[in-house]
mmCIF file of all heavy atoms, coordinates in Angstrom:
data_MODEL
# 
_entry.id   MODEL 
# 
loop_
_atom_site.group_PDB 
_atom_site.id 
_atom_site.type_symbol 
_atom_site.label_atom_id 
_atom_site.label_alt_id 
_atom_site.label_comp_id 
_atom_site.label_asym_id 
_atom_site.label_entity_id 
_atom_site.label_seq_id 
_atom_site.pdbx_PDB_ins_code 
_atom_site.Cartn_x 
_atom_site.Cartn_y 
_atom_site.Cartn_z 
_atom_site.occupancy 
_atom_site.B_iso_or_equiv 
_atom_site.pdbx_formal_charge 
_atom_site.auth_seq_id 
_atom_site.auth_comp_id 
_atom_site.auth_asym_id 
_atom_site.auth_atom_id 
_atom_site.pdbx_PDB_model_num 
ATOM 1   N N   . ILE A 1 1  ? -0.367  -3.506 -3.218  1.00 0.00 ? 1  ILE A N   1 
ATOM 2   C CA  . ILE A 1 1  ? -0.290  -2.291 -4.107  1.00 0.00 ? 1  ILE A CA  1 
ATOM 3   C C   . ILE A 1 1  ? -0.358  -2.693 -5.613  1.00 0.00 ? 1  ILE A C   1 
ATOM 4   O O   . ILE A 1 1  ? 0.522   -3.553 -6.027  1.00 0.00 ? 1  ILE A O   1 
ATOM 5   C CB  . ILE A 1 1  ? 0.812   -1.288 -3.834  1.00 0.00 ? 1  ILE A CB  1 
ATOM 6   C CG1 . ILE A 1 1  ? 0.747   -0.018 -4.531  1.00 0.00 ? 1  ILE A CG1 1 
ATOM 7   C CG2 . ILE A 1 1  ? 2.164   -2.004 -4.009  1.00 0.00 ? 1  ILE A CG2 1 
ATOM 8   C CD1 . ILE A 1 1  ? 1.698   1.011  -4.119  1.00 0.00 ? 1  ILE A CD1 1 
ATOM 9   N N   . THR A 1 2  ? -1.200  -2.133 -6.474  1.00 0.00 ? 2  THR A N   1 
ATOM 10  C CA  . THR A 1 2  ? -1.255  -2.441 -7.787  1.00 0.00 ? 2  THR A CA  1 
ATOM 11  C C   . THR A 1 2  ? -0.178  -1.592 -8.548  1.00 0.00 ? 2  THR A C   1 
ATOM 12  O O   . THR A 1 2  ? 0.293   -0.657 -8.066  1.00 0.00 ? 2  THR A O   1 
ATOM 13  C CB  . THR A 1 2  ? -2.667  -2.213 -8.390  1.00 0.00 ? 2  THR A CB  1 
ATOM 14  O OG1 . THR A 1 2  ? -2.956  -0.817 -8.460  1.00 0.00 ? 2  THR A OG1 1 
ATOM 15  C CG2 . THR A 1 2  ? -3.700  -2.914 -7.646  1.00 0.00 ? 2  THR A CG2 1 
ATOM 16  N N   . LYS A 1 3  ? -0.101  -1.947 -9.880  1.00 0.00 ? 3  LYS A N   1 
ATOM 17  C CA  . LYS A 1 3  ? 0.934   -1.147 -10.604 1.00 0.00 ? 3  LYS A CA  1 
ATOM 18  C C   . LYS A 1 3  ? 0.455   0.356  -10.860 1.00 0.00 ? 3  LYS A C   1 
ATOM 19  O O   . LYS A 1 3  ? 1.218   1.174  -11.194 1.00 0.00 ? 3  LYS A O   1 
ATOM 20  C CB  . LYS A 1 3  ? 1.146   -1.827 -12.013 1.00 0.00 ? 3  LYS A CB  1 
ATOM 21  C CG  . LYS A 1 3  ? -0.094  -1.956 -12.897 1.00 0.00 ? 3  LYS A CG  1 
ATOM 22  C CD  . LYS A 1 3  ? 0.297   -2.715 -14.193 1.00 0.00 ? 3  LYS A CD  1 
ATOM 23  C CE  . LYS A 1 3  ? -0.893  -2.892 -14.999 1.00 0.00 ? 3  LYS A CE  1 
ATOM 24  N NZ  . LYS A 1 3  ? -0.611  -3.698 -16.232 1.00 0.00 ? 3  LYS A NZ  1 
ATOM 25  N N   . ARG A 1 4  ? -0.854  0.565  -10.559 1.00 0.00 ? 4  ARG A N   1 
ATOM 26  C CA  . ARG A 1 4  ? -1.345  2.002  -10.606 1.00 0.00 ? 4  ARG A CA  1 
ATOM 27  C C   . ARG A 1 4  ? -1.502  2.528  -9.265  1.00 0.00 ? 4  ARG A C   1 
ATOM 28  O O   . ARG A 1 4  ? -2.299  3.560  -9.124  1.00 0.00 ? 4  ARG A O   1 
ATOM 29  C CB  . ARG A 1 4  ? -2.681  1.982  -11.405 1.00 0.00 ? 4  ARG A CB  1 
ATOM 30  C CG  . ARG A 1 4  ? -2.549  1.376  -12.795 1.00 0.00 ? 4  ARG A CG  1 
ATOM 31  C CD  . ARG A 1 4  ? -3.726  1.677  -13.755 1.00 0.00 ? 4  ARG A CD  1 
ATOM 32  N NE  . ARG A 1 4  ? -3.846  3.091  -14.032 1.00 0.00 ? 4  ARG A NE  1 
ATOM 33  C CZ  . ARG A 1 4  ? -4.968  3.572  -14.634 1.00 0.00 ? 4  ARG A CZ  1 
ATOM 34  N NH1 . ARG A 1 4  ? -5.935  2.850  -14.934 1.00 0.00 ? 4  ARG A NH1 1 
ATOM 35  N NH2 . ARG A 1 4  ? -4.915  4.925  -14.965 1.00 0.00 ? 4  ARG A NH2 1 
ATOM 36  N N   . ASP A 1 5  ? -0.895  1.959  -8.249  1.00 0.00 ? 5  ASP A N   1 
ATOM 37  C CA  . ASP A 1 5  ? -0.802  2.523  -6.904  1.00 0.00 ? 5  ASP A CA  1 
ATOM 38  C C   . ASP A 1 5  ? -2.185  2.476  -6.135  1.00 0.00 ? 5  ASP A C   1 
ATOM 39  O O   . ASP A 1 5  ? -2.493  3.209  -5.220  1.00 0.00 ? 5  ASP A O   1 
ATOM 40  C CB  . ASP A 1 5  ? -0.282  3.926  -6.940  1.00 0.00 ? 5  ASP A CB  1 
ATOM 41  C CG  . ASP A 1 5  ? 1.111   4.012  -7.249  1.00 0.00 ? 5  ASP A CG  1 
ATOM 42  O OD1 . ASP A 1 5  ? 1.840   3.069  -7.036  1.00 0.00 ? 5  ASP A OD1 1 
ATOM 43  O OD2 . ASP A 1 5  ? 1.508   5.007  -7.776  1.00 0.00 ? 5  ASP A OD2 1 
ATOM 44  N N   . ASN A 1 6  ? -3.005  1.423  -6.512  1.00 0.00 ? 6  ASN A N   1 
ATOM 45  C CA  . ASN A 1 6  ? -4.193  1.264  -5.677  1.00 0.00 ? 6  ASN A CA  1 
ATOM 46  C C   . ASN A 1 6  ? -3.801  0.277  -4.472  1.00 0.00 ? 6  ASN A C   1 
ATOM 47  O O   . ASN A 1 6  ? -3.044  -0.682 -4.835  1.00 0.00 ? 6  ASN A O   1 
ATOM 48  C CB  . ASN A 1 6  ? -5.309  0.578  -6.509  1.00 0.00 ? 6  ASN A CB  1 
ATOM 49  C CG  . ASN A 1 6  ? -6.647  0.440  -5.854  1.00 0.00 ? 6  ASN A CG  1 
ATOM 50  O OD1 . ASN A 1 6  ? -6.826  1.123  -4.833  1.00 0.00 ? 6  ASN A OD1 1 
ATOM 51  N ND2 . ASN A 1 6  ? -7.468  -0.410 -6.341  1.00 0.00 ? 6  ASN A ND2 1 
ATOM 52  N N   . THR A 1 7  ? -4.086  0.697  -3.380  1.00 0.00 ? 7  THR A N   1 
ATOM 53  C CA  . THR A 1 7  ? -3.624  0.013  -2.100  1.00 0.00 ? 7  THR A CA  1 
ATOM 54  C C   . THR A 1 7  ? -4.669  -0.623 -1.391  1.00 0.00 ? 7  THR A C   1 
ATOM 55  O O   . THR A 1 7  ? -5.846  -0.235 -1.281  1.00 0.00 ? 7  THR A O   1 
ATOM 56  C CB  . THR A 1 7  ? -2.775  0.918  -1.135  1.00 0.00 ? 7  THR A CB  1 
ATOM 57  O OG1 . THR A 1 7  ? -3.640  2.008  -0.758  1.00 0.00 ? 7  THR A OG1 1 
ATOM 58  C CG2 . THR A 1 7  ? -1.595  1.453  -1.964  1.00 0.00 ? 7  THR A CG2 1 
ATOM 59  N N   . TYR A 1 8  ? -4.273  -1.656 -0.483  1.00 0.00 ? 8  TYR A N   1 
ATOM 60  C CA  . TYR A 1 8  ? -5.096  -2.456 0.408   1.00 0.00 ? 8  TYR A CA  1 
ATOM 61  C C   . TYR A 1 8  ? -4.372  -2.690 1.709   1.00 0.00 ? 8  TYR A C   1 
ATOM 62  O O   . TYR A 1 8  ? -3.167  -2.961 1.580   1.00 0.00 ? 8  TYR A O   1 
ATOM 63  C CB  . TYR A 1 8  ? -5.620  -3.716 -0.182  1.00 0.00 ? 8  TYR A CB  1 
ATOM 64  C CG  . TYR A 1 8  ? -6.019  -4.711 0.855   1.00 0.00 ? 8  TYR A CG  1 
ATOM 65  C CD1 . TYR A 1 8  ? -7.401  -4.566 1.299   1.00 0.00 ? 8  TYR A CD1 1 
ATOM 66  C CD2 . TYR A 1 8  ? -5.363  -5.624 1.457   1.00 0.00 ? 8  TYR A CD2 1 
ATOM 67  C CE1 . TYR A 1 8  ? -7.921  -5.384 2.309   1.00 0.00 ? 8  TYR A CE1 1 
ATOM 68  C CE2 . TYR A 1 8  ? -5.775  -6.327 2.394   1.00 0.00 ? 8  TYR A CE2 1 
ATOM 69  C CZ  . TYR A 1 8  ? -7.027  -6.379 2.797   1.00 0.00 ? 8  TYR A CZ  1 
ATOM 70  O OH  . TYR A 1 8  ? -7.532  -7.158 3.818   1.00 0.00 ? 8  TYR A OH  1 
ATOM 71  N N   . TYR A 1 9  ? -4.927  -2.516 2.760   1.00 0.00 ? 9  TYR A N   1 
ATOM 72  C CA  . TYR A 1 9  ? -4.405  -2.828 4.065   1.00 0.00 ? 9  TYR A CA  1 
ATOM 73  C C   . TYR A 1 9  ? -5.191  -3.638 4.891   1.00 0.00 ? 9  TYR A C   1 
ATOM 74  O O   . TYR A 1 9  ? -6.534  -3.543 4.977   1.00 0.00 ? 9  TYR A O   1 
ATOM 75  C CB  . TYR A 1 9  ? -3.953  -1.450 4.842   1.00 0.00 ? 9  TYR A CB  1 
ATOM 76  C CG  . TYR A 1 9  ? -3.079  -0.547 4.123   1.00 0.00 ? 9  TYR A CG  1 
ATOM 77  C CD1 . TYR A 1 9  ? -3.526  0.429  3.321   1.00 0.00 ? 9  TYR A CD1 1 
ATOM 78  C CD2 . TYR A 1 9  ? -1.755  -0.751 4.321   1.00 0.00 ? 9  TYR A CD2 1 
ATOM 79  C CE1 . TYR A 1 9  ? -2.748  1.346  2.728   1.00 0.00 ? 9  TYR A CE1 1 
ATOM 80  C CE2 . TYR A 1 9  ? -0.804  0.201  3.659   1.00 0.00 ? 9  TYR A CE2 1 
ATOM 81  C CZ  . TYR A 1 9  ? -1.379  1.203  2.901   1.00 0.00 ? 9  TYR A CZ  1 
ATOM 82  O OH  . TYR A 1 9  ? -0.468  2.062  2.242   1.00 0.00 ? 9  TYR A OH  1 
ATOM 83  N N   . VAL A 1 10 ? -4.685  -4.610 5.666   1.00 0.00 ? 10 VAL A N   1 
ATOM 84  C CA  . VAL A 1 10 ? -5.460  -5.339 6.644   1.00 0.00 ? 10 VAL A CA  1 
ATOM 85  C C   . VAL A 1 10 ? -5.742  -4.360 7.710   1.00 0.00 ? 10 VAL A C   1 
ATOM 86  O O   . VAL A 1 10 ? -5.037  -3.412 8.043   1.00 0.00 ? 10 VAL A O   1 
ATOM 87  C CB  . VAL A 1 10 ? -4.627  -6.519 7.189   1.00 0.00 ? 10 VAL A CB  1 
ATOM 88  C CG1 . VAL A 1 10 ? -3.464  -6.157 7.923   1.00 0.00 ? 10 VAL A CG1 1 
ATOM 89  C CG2 . VAL A 1 10 ? -5.476  -7.476 7.933   1.00 0.00 ? 10 VAL A CG2 1 
ATOM 90  N N   . ASP A 1 11 ? -6.952  -4.448 8.407   1.00 0.00 ? 11 ASP A N   1 
ATOM 91  C CA  . ASP A 1 11 ? -7.336  -3.606 9.356   1.00 0.00 ? 11 ASP A CA  1 
ATOM 92  C C   . ASP A 1 11 ? -6.517  -3.276 10.492  1.00 0.00 ? 11 ASP A C   1 
ATOM 93  O O   . ASP A 1 11 ? -6.338  -2.176 10.928  1.00 0.00 ? 11 ASP A O   1 
ATOM 94  C CB  . ASP A 1 11 ? -8.785  -4.138 9.935   1.00 0.00 ? 11 ASP A CB  1 
ATOM 95  C CG  . ASP A 1 11 ? -9.848  -3.916 9.029   1.00 0.00 ? 11 ASP A CG  1 
ATOM 96  O OD1 . ASP A 1 11 ? -9.845  -3.290 8.104   1.00 0.00 ? 11 ASP A OD1 1 
ATOM 97  O OD2 . ASP A 1 11 ? -10.999 -4.608 9.347   1.00 0.00 ? 11 ASP A OD2 1 
ATOM 98  N N   . SER A 1 12 ? -5.721  -4.297 10.904  1.00 0.00 ? 12 SER A N   1 
ATOM 99  C CA  . SER A 1 12 ? -4.810  -4.164 12.053  1.00 0.00 ? 12 SER A CA  1 
ATOM 100 C C   . SER A 1 12 ? -3.683  -3.205 11.734  1.00 0.00 ? 12 SER A C   1 
ATOM 101 O O   . SER A 1 12 ? -2.959  -2.740 12.749  1.00 0.00 ? 12 SER A O   1 
ATOM 102 C CB  . SER A 1 12 ? -4.254  -5.595 12.432  1.00 0.00 ? 12 SER A CB  1 
ATOM 103 O OG  . SER A 1 12 ? -3.507  -6.141 11.473  1.00 0.00 ? 12 SER A OG  1 
ATOM 104 N N   . VAL A 1 13 ? -3.286  -2.814 10.510  1.00 0.00 ? 13 VAL A N   1 
ATOM 105 C CA  . VAL A 1 13 ? -2.231  -1.939 10.186  1.00 0.00 ? 13 VAL A CA  1 
ATOM 106 C C   . VAL A 1 13 ? -2.653  -0.596 9.608   1.00 0.00 ? 13 VAL A C   1 
ATOM 107 O O   . VAL A 1 13 ? -1.765  0.241  9.393   1.00 0.00 ? 13 VAL A O   1 
ATOM 108 C CB  . VAL A 1 13 ? -1.143  -2.584 9.359   1.00 0.00 ? 13 VAL A CB  1 
ATOM 109 C CG1 . VAL A 1 13 ? -0.758  -3.965 9.931   1.00 0.00 ? 13 VAL A CG1 1 
ATOM 110 C CG2 . VAL A 1 13 ? -1.687  -2.800 7.874   1.00 0.00 ? 13 VAL A CG2 1 
ATOM 111 N N   . LYS A 1 14 ? -3.859  -0.397 9.376   1.00 0.00 ? 14 LYS A N   1 
ATOM 112 C CA  . LYS A 1 14 ? -4.396  0.778  8.735   1.00 0.00 ? 14 LYS A CA  1 
ATOM 113 C C   . LYS A 1 14 ? -4.059  1.986  9.646   1.00 0.00 ? 14 LYS A C   1 
ATOM 114 O O   . LYS A 1 14 ? -4.236  1.937  10.831  1.00 0.00 ? 14 LYS A O   1 
ATOM 115 C CB  . LYS A 1 14 ? -5.895  0.743  8.509   1.00 0.00 ? 14 LYS A CB  1 
ATOM 116 C CG  . LYS A 1 14 ? -6.336  -0.154 7.386   1.00 0.00 ? 14 LYS A CG  1 
ATOM 117 C CD  . LYS A 1 14 ? -7.867  -0.223 7.275   1.00 0.00 ? 14 LYS A CD  1 
ATOM 118 C CE  . LYS A 1 14 ? -8.267  -1.017 6.043   1.00 0.00 ? 14 LYS A CE  1 
ATOM 119 N NZ  . LYS A 1 14 ? -9.750  -1.193 6.006   1.00 0.00 ? 14 LYS A NZ  1 
ATOM 120 N N   . GLY A 1 15 ? -3.554  2.983  8.939   1.00 0.00 ? 15 GLY A N   1 
ATOM 121 C CA  . GLY A 1 15 ? -3.132  4.152  9.640   1.00 0.00 ? 15 GLY A CA  1 
ATOM 122 C C   . GLY A 1 15 ? -1.766  4.215  10.225  1.00 0.00 ? 15 GLY A C   1 
ATOM 123 O O   . GLY A 1 15 ? -1.192  5.169  10.624  1.00 0.00 ? 15 GLY A O   1 
ATOM 124 N N   . ARG A 1 16 ? -1.125  2.977  10.254  1.00 0.00 ? 16 ARG A N   1 
ATOM 125 C CA  . ARG A 1 16 ? 0.168   2.832  10.822  1.00 0.00 ? 16 ARG A CA  1 
ATOM 126 C C   . ARG A 1 16 ? 1.227   2.469  9.672   1.00 0.00 ? 16 ARG A C   1 
ATOM 127 O O   . ARG A 1 16 ? 2.430   2.942  9.789   1.00 0.00 ? 16 ARG A O   1 
ATOM 128 C CB  . ARG A 1 16 ? 0.271   1.815  11.828  1.00 0.00 ? 16 ARG A CB  1 
ATOM 129 C CG  . ARG A 1 16 ? -0.619  2.150  13.068  1.00 0.00 ? 16 ARG A CG  1 
ATOM 130 C CD  . ARG A 1 16 ? -0.377  1.176  14.163  1.00 0.00 ? 16 ARG A CD  1 
ATOM 131 N NE  . ARG A 1 16 ? -0.707  -0.244 13.793  1.00 0.00 ? 16 ARG A NE  1 
ATOM 132 C CZ  . ARG A 1 16 ? 0.175   -1.222 13.834  1.00 0.00 ? 16 ARG A CZ  1 
ATOM 133 N NH1 . ARG A 1 16 ? 1.406   -1.009 14.272  1.00 0.00 ? 16 ARG A NH1 1 
ATOM 134 N NH2 . ARG A 1 16 ? -0.234  -2.462 13.542  1.00 0.00 ? 16 ARG A NH2 1 
ATOM 135 N N   . PHE A 1 17 ? 0.894   1.694  8.730   1.00 0.00 ? 17 PHE A N   1 
ATOM 136 C CA  . PHE A 1 17 ? 1.671   1.127  7.740   1.00 0.00 ? 17 PHE A CA  1 
ATOM 137 C C   . PHE A 1 17 ? 1.369   1.809  6.396   1.00 0.00 ? 17 PHE A C   1 
ATOM 138 O O   . PHE A 1 17 ? 0.183   2.123  5.992   1.00 0.00 ? 17 PHE A O   1 
ATOM 139 C CB  . PHE A 1 17 ? 1.603   -0.336 7.394   1.00 0.00 ? 17 PHE A CB  1 
ATOM 140 C CG  . PHE A 1 17 ? 2.129   -1.132 8.609   1.00 0.00 ? 17 PHE A CG  1 
ATOM 141 C CD1 . PHE A 1 17 ? 2.401   -0.690 9.772   1.00 0.00 ? 17 PHE A CD1 1 
ATOM 142 C CD2 . PHE A 1 17 ? 2.188   -2.540 8.423   1.00 0.00 ? 17 PHE A CD2 1 
ATOM 143 C CE1 . PHE A 1 17 ? 3.008   -1.423 10.838  1.00 0.00 ? 17 PHE A CE1 1 
ATOM 144 C CE2 . PHE A 1 17 ? 2.767   -3.324 9.468   1.00 0.00 ? 17 PHE A CE2 1 
ATOM 145 C CZ  . PHE A 1 17 ? 3.143   -2.805 10.666  1.00 0.00 ? 17 PHE A CZ  1 
ATOM 146 N N   . THR A 1 18 ? 2.353   2.068  5.544   1.00 0.00 ? 18 THR A N   1 
ATOM 147 C CA  . THR A 1 18 ? 2.159   2.668  4.162   1.00 0.00 ? 18 THR A CA  1 
ATOM 148 C C   . THR A 1 18 ? 2.982   1.766  3.193   1.00 0.00 ? 18 THR A C   1 
ATOM 149 O O   . THR A 1 18 ? 4.225   1.636  3.278   1.00 0.00 ? 18 THR A O   1 
ATOM 150 C CB  . THR A 1 18 ? 2.639   4.078  4.106   1.00 0.00 ? 18 THR A CB  1 
ATOM 151 O OG1 . THR A 1 18 ? 1.903   4.902  5.059   1.00 0.00 ? 18 THR A OG1 1 
ATOM 152 C CG2 . THR A 1 18 ? 2.351   4.564  2.686   1.00 0.00 ? 18 THR A CG2 1 
ATOM 153 N N   . ILE A 1 19 ? 2.254   1.242  2.181   1.00 0.00 ? 19 ILE A N   1 
ATOM 154 C CA  . ILE A 1 19 ? 2.951   0.388  1.181   1.00 0.00 ? 19 ILE A CA  1 
ATOM 155 C C   . ILE A 1 19 ? 3.096   1.399  -0.070  1.00 0.00 ? 19 ILE A C   1 
ATOM 156 O O   . ILE A 1 19 ? 2.300   2.218  -0.415  1.00 0.00 ? 19 ILE A O   1 
ATOM 157 C CB  . ILE A 1 19 ? 2.104   -0.844 0.744   1.00 0.00 ? 19 ILE A CB  1 
ATOM 158 C CG1 . ILE A 1 19 ? 2.927   -1.717 -0.211  1.00 0.00 ? 19 ILE A CG1 1 
ATOM 159 C CG2 . ILE A 1 19 ? 0.787   -0.425 0.130   1.00 0.00 ? 19 ILE A CG2 1 
ATOM 160 C CD1 . ILE A 1 19 ? 2.149   -3.066 -0.367  1.00 0.00 ? 19 ILE A CD1 1 
ATOM 161 N N   . SER A 1 20 ? 4.242   1.248  -0.701  1.00 0.00 ? 20 SER A N   1 
ATOM 162 C CA  . SER A 1 20 ? 4.633   1.980  -1.886  1.00 0.00 ? 20 SER A CA  1 
ATOM 163 C C   . SER A 1 20 ? 5.464   1.275  -2.779  1.00 0.00 ? 20 SER A C   1 
ATOM 164 O O   . SER A 1 20 ? 6.061   0.168  -2.389  1.00 0.00 ? 20 SER A O   1 
ATOM 165 C CB  . SER A 1 20 ? 5.190   3.402  -1.524  1.00 0.00 ? 20 SER A CB  1 
ATOM 166 O OG  . SER A 1 20 ? 6.456   3.085  -0.866  1.00 0.00 ? 20 SER A OG  1 
ATOM 167 N N   . ARG A 1 21 ? 5.692   1.767  -3.999  1.00 0.00 ? 21 ARG A N   1 
ATOM 168 C CA  . ARG A 1 21 ? 6.656   1.079  -4.922  1.00 0.00 ? 21 ARG A CA  1 
ATOM 169 C C   . ARG A 1 21 ? 7.280   1.987  -5.913  1.00 0.00 ? 21 ARG A C   1 
ATOM 170 O O   . ARG A 1 21 ? 6.782   3.133  -6.146  1.00 0.00 ? 21 ARG A O   1 
ATOM 171 C CB  . ARG A 1 21 ? 5.874   -0.002 -5.749  1.00 0.00 ? 21 ARG A CB  1 
ATOM 172 C CG  . ARG A 1 21 ? 4.638   0.684  -6.727  1.00 0.00 ? 21 ARG A CG  1 
ATOM 173 C CD  . ARG A 1 21 ? 3.734   -0.387 -7.244  1.00 0.00 ? 21 ARG A CD  1 
ATOM 174 N NE  . ARG A 1 21 ? 4.338   -1.266 -8.294  1.00 0.00 ? 21 ARG A NE  1 
ATOM 175 C CZ  . ARG A 1 21 ? 3.815   -2.354 -8.767  1.00 0.00 ? 21 ARG A CZ  1 
ATOM 176 N NH1 . ARG A 1 21 ? 2.650   -2.748 -8.257  1.00 0.00 ? 21 ARG A NH1 1 
ATOM 177 N NH2 . ARG A 1 21 ? 4.361   -3.040 -9.721  1.00 0.00 ? 21 ARG A NH2 1 
ATOM 178 N N   . ASP A 1 22 ? 8.474   1.724  -6.416  1.00 0.00 ? 22 ASP A N   1 
ATOM 179 C CA  . ASP A 1 22 ? 9.152   2.395  -7.398  1.00 0.00 ? 22 ASP A CA  1 
ATOM 180 C C   . ASP A 1 22 ? 9.241   1.501  -8.540  1.00 0.00 ? 22 ASP A C   1 
ATOM 181 O O   . ASP A 1 22 ? 10.122  0.678  -8.581  1.00 0.00 ? 22 ASP A O   1 
ATOM 182 C CB  . ASP A 1 22 ? 10.464  2.896  -6.836  1.00 0.00 ? 22 ASP A CB  1 
ATOM 183 C CG  . ASP A 1 22 ? 11.306  3.818  -7.762  1.00 0.00 ? 22 ASP A CG  1 
ATOM 184 O OD1 . ASP A 1 22 ? 10.964  3.728  -8.954  1.00 0.00 ? 22 ASP A OD1 1 
ATOM 185 O OD2 . ASP A 1 22 ? 12.036  4.597  -7.216  1.00 0.00 ? 22 ASP A OD2 1 
ATOM 186 N N   . ASN A 1 23 ? 8.399   1.712  -9.589  1.00 0.00 ? 23 ASN A N   1 
ATOM 187 C CA  . ASN A 1 23 ? 8.405   0.840  -10.739 1.00 0.00 ? 23 ASN A CA  1 
ATOM 188 C C   . ASN A 1 23 ? 9.701   0.919  -11.564 1.00 0.00 ? 23 ASN A C   1 
ATOM 189 O O   . ASN A 1 23 ? 10.081  -0.062 -12.095 1.00 0.00 ? 23 ASN A O   1 
ATOM 190 C CB  . ASN A 1 23 ? 7.203   1.221  -11.663 1.00 0.00 ? 23 ASN A CB  1 
ATOM 191 C CG  . ASN A 1 23 ? 5.792   0.862  -10.898 1.00 0.00 ? 23 ASN A CG  1 
ATOM 192 O OD1 . ASN A 1 23 ? 5.809   -0.122 -10.190 1.00 0.00 ? 23 ASN A OD1 1 
ATOM 193 N ND2 . ASN A 1 23 ? 4.807   1.603  -11.208 1.00 0.00 ? 23 ASN A ND2 1 
ATOM 194 N N   . ALA A 1 24 ? 10.344  2.148  -11.573 1.00 0.00 ? 24 ALA A N   1 
ATOM 195 C CA  . ALA A 1 24 ? 11.648  2.168  -12.262 1.00 0.00 ? 24 ALA A CA  1 
ATOM 196 C C   . ALA A 1 24 ? 12.718  1.362  -11.699 1.00 0.00 ? 24 ALA A C   1 
ATOM 197 O O   . ALA A 1 24 ? 13.644  0.943  -12.421 1.00 0.00 ? 24 ALA A O   1 
ATOM 198 C CB  . ALA A 1 24 ? 12.057  3.652  -12.311 1.00 0.00 ? 24 ALA A CB  1 
# 
């Protein structure tokens, strides 16, 4: 996940995993 919340997932976890961040 980039600092602007652009995300990438490996195919095997798409739809099951969610990456997120709290910059503060």
